Every structure is written in structure tokens, then in C-alpha cells.
Amino acid sequence: MSVPYRITIRVSEEDLERLMIIRDKGNYDTISDVIRESIKDFMEKYDENTNVKNINVKITKKMLQDLDNFINSGEAVSVDELIRVVLREYMAKKVDEKFKETMDKNKGD
């Protein structure tokens, strides 16, 4: 990929090793590609001009395995989609509970 600007950074040996592992495990040709992708993700996360926000969620390996099992069974096409579906259903349930609570309260008044 040709990019017109250059930024030089210093990283610890530990961070460099982690970047190399990410490069080797992912679909990245260079560490610069890993860093460019990280910068893109960071900017998307903090960009105020979008209706969609990215969030990072740390989950256990067991949870990830459970999510993968749902995906493999056809419940969803990706972990991201499955998490969005679960959150949407959870929020719908909470809104419904609040609505019922408000209606019950109003009946008593």
C-alpha cells in the first residue's frame, strides 16, 4: 500500500514482539500494516462524526468458544453479528420491562 506520509515511533521490545506475532497470525505483510489498521480502528472508535461506534470487549476464551459454537451452528455469521444480536435482544427486553413497570405504576396512581 502506498501512503504519502511517514510517522516514526519508538516501541518497547515487548510491544514489537507482540506486533510481530499479530503480523504473523493475521493477514498482514508488515508491522506497518498492523499499525495502520490499529490507527484506523482507533480513529473509528473516537470519531464523533459517525452514528456507529466500535467498542472493544474482553471476553474469556470459553465465552469466545461458546460464541464460535453458535456461529458454527448457523445462529450468526460472525462474532460481531452475534454480539449485536444479543445486545439488541437484551436492550429490547430491558425496554419492555421498563415499559411494563411504568404501566403498572400508572395503574396504581
Protein backbone atom coordinates (compact mmCIF):
# COMPACT_ATOMS: atom_id res chain seq x y z
CA MET A 1 0.00 0.00 0.00
CA SER A 2 1.40 3.37 -0.95
CA VAL A 3 0.81 6.14 1.58
CA PRO A 4 2.11 9.69 1.28
CA TYR A 5 3.06 10.38 4.91
CA ARG A 6 5.52 8.82 7.29
CA ILE A 7 5.38 8.74 11.09
CA THR A 8 8.22 7.35 13.17
CA ILE A 9 7.51 5.87 16.59
CA ARG A 10 9.51 4.08 19.24
CA VAL A 11 8.11 0.99 20.94
CA SER A 12 9.38 -1.33 23.63
CA GLU A 13 10.86 -4.69 22.71
CA GLU A 14 7.80 -6.38 24.23
CA ASP A 15 5.42 -4.31 22.09
CA LEU A 16 7.49 -5.04 18.97
CA GLU A 17 7.34 -8.77 19.70
CA ARG A 18 3.56 -8.56 20.15
CA LEU A 19 3.24 -6.63 16.88
CA MET A 20 5.29 -9.29 15.10
CA ILE A 21 3.03 -12.03 16.48
CA ILE A 22 -0.07 -10.15 15.31
CA ARG A 23 1.51 -9.66 11.90
CA ASP A 24 2.36 -13.35 11.61
CA LYS A 25 -1.07 -14.55 12.83
CA GLY A 26 -3.09 -12.05 10.80
CA ASN A 27 -3.28 -11.16 7.15
CA TYR A 28 -0.59 -8.51 7.37
CA ASP A 29 2.55 -8.23 5.27
CA THR A 30 4.32 -5.76 7.54
CA ILE A 31 4.19 -4.34 11.03
CA SER A 32 3.32 -1.01 9.41
CA ASP A 33 0.13 -2.66 8.07
CA VAL A 34 -0.73 -3.77 11.63
CA ILE A 35 -0.14 -0.25 12.96
CA ARG A 36 -2.16 1.37 10.12
CA GLU A 37 -5.06 -0.98 10.89
CA SER A 38 -4.77 -0.15 14.60
CA ILE A 39 -4.81 3.58 13.85
CA LYS A 40 -7.90 3.12 11.66
CA ASP A 41 -9.67 1.20 14.44
CA PHE A 42 -8.67 3.85 17.00
CA MET A 43 -9.97 6.69 14.82
CA GLU A 44 -13.26 4.88 14.17
CA LYS A 45 -13.68 4.33 17.90
CA TYR A 46 -13.24 8.02 18.73
CA ASP A 47 -14.74 9.64 15.62
CA GLU A 48 -17.60 11.87 16.70
CA ASN A 49 -18.98 12.20 13.14
CA THR A 50 -20.43 8.71 12.85
CA ASN A 51 -23.59 7.02 14.12
CA VAL A 52 -21.76 3.75 14.59
CA LYS A 53 -19.25 3.29 17.39
CA ASN A 54 -16.77 0.47 17.77
CA ILE A 55 -16.16 -0.90 21.21
CA ASN A 56 -13.61 -3.36 22.47
CA VAL A 57 -14.83 -6.13 24.71
CA LYS A 58 -12.57 -8.52 26.55
CA ILE A 59 -14.09 -11.96 26.93
CA THR A 60 -12.77 -15.25 28.20
CA LYS A 61 -11.59 -17.96 25.83
CA LYS A 62 -14.56 -20.05 26.99
CA MET A 63 -17.00 -17.28 26.02
CA LEU A 64 -15.33 -16.97 22.63
CA GLN A 65 -15.56 -20.72 22.17
CA ASP A 66 -19.28 -20.59 23.05
CA LEU A 67 -19.80 -17.77 20.53
CA ASP A 68 -17.94 -19.75 17.88
CA ASN A 69 -20.20 -22.74 18.59
CA PHE A 70 -23.27 -20.56 17.93
CA ILE A 71 -21.70 -19.35 14.68
CA ASN A 72 -20.81 -22.88 13.59
CA SER A 73 -24.40 -23.96 14.24
CA GLY A 74 -25.67 -21.22 11.92
CA GLU A 75 -27.02 -18.86 14.59
CA ALA A 76 -24.91 -15.99 13.19
CA VAL A 77 -22.27 -15.34 10.56
CA SER A 78 -19.70 -13.67 12.82
CA VAL A 79 -18.90 -12.94 16.45
CA ASP A 80 -19.60 -9.24 15.82
CA GLU A 81 -23.07 -10.00 14.44
CA LEU A 82 -23.86 -12.38 17.29
CA ILE A 83 -22.85 -9.82 19.92
CA ARG A 84 -25.00 -7.16 18.20
CA VAL A 85 -27.99 -9.55 18.17
CA VAL A 86 -27.52 -10.44 21.85
CA LEU A 87 -27.22 -6.77 22.84
CA ARG A 88 -30.25 -5.80 20.74
CA GLU A 89 -32.36 -8.55 22.34
CA TYR A 90 -31.12 -7.64 25.82
CA MET A 91 -31.94 -3.96 25.31
CA ALA A 92 -35.37 -4.77 23.87
CA LYS A 93 -36.09 -6.92 26.93
CA LYS A 94 -34.96 -4.14 29.31
CA VAL A 95 -37.06 -1.51 27.49
CA ASP A 96 -40.07 -3.83 27.63
CA GLU A 97 -39.54 -4.39 31.37
CA LYS A 98 -39.30 -0.63 31.99
CA PHE A 99 -42.45 -0.04 29.92
CA LYS A 100 -44.39 -2.66 31.91
CA GLU A 101 -43.05 -1.24 35.17
CA THR A 102 -44.20 2.25 34.17
CA MET A 103 -47.61 0.97 33.09
CA ASP A 104 -48.08 -0.92 36.36
CA LYS A 105 -47.06 2.16 38.32
CA ASN A 106 -49.52 4.33 36.38
CA LYS A 107 -52.35 1.86 37.04
CA GLY A 108 -51.77 2.27 40.74
CA ASP A 109 -51.95 6.09 40.58
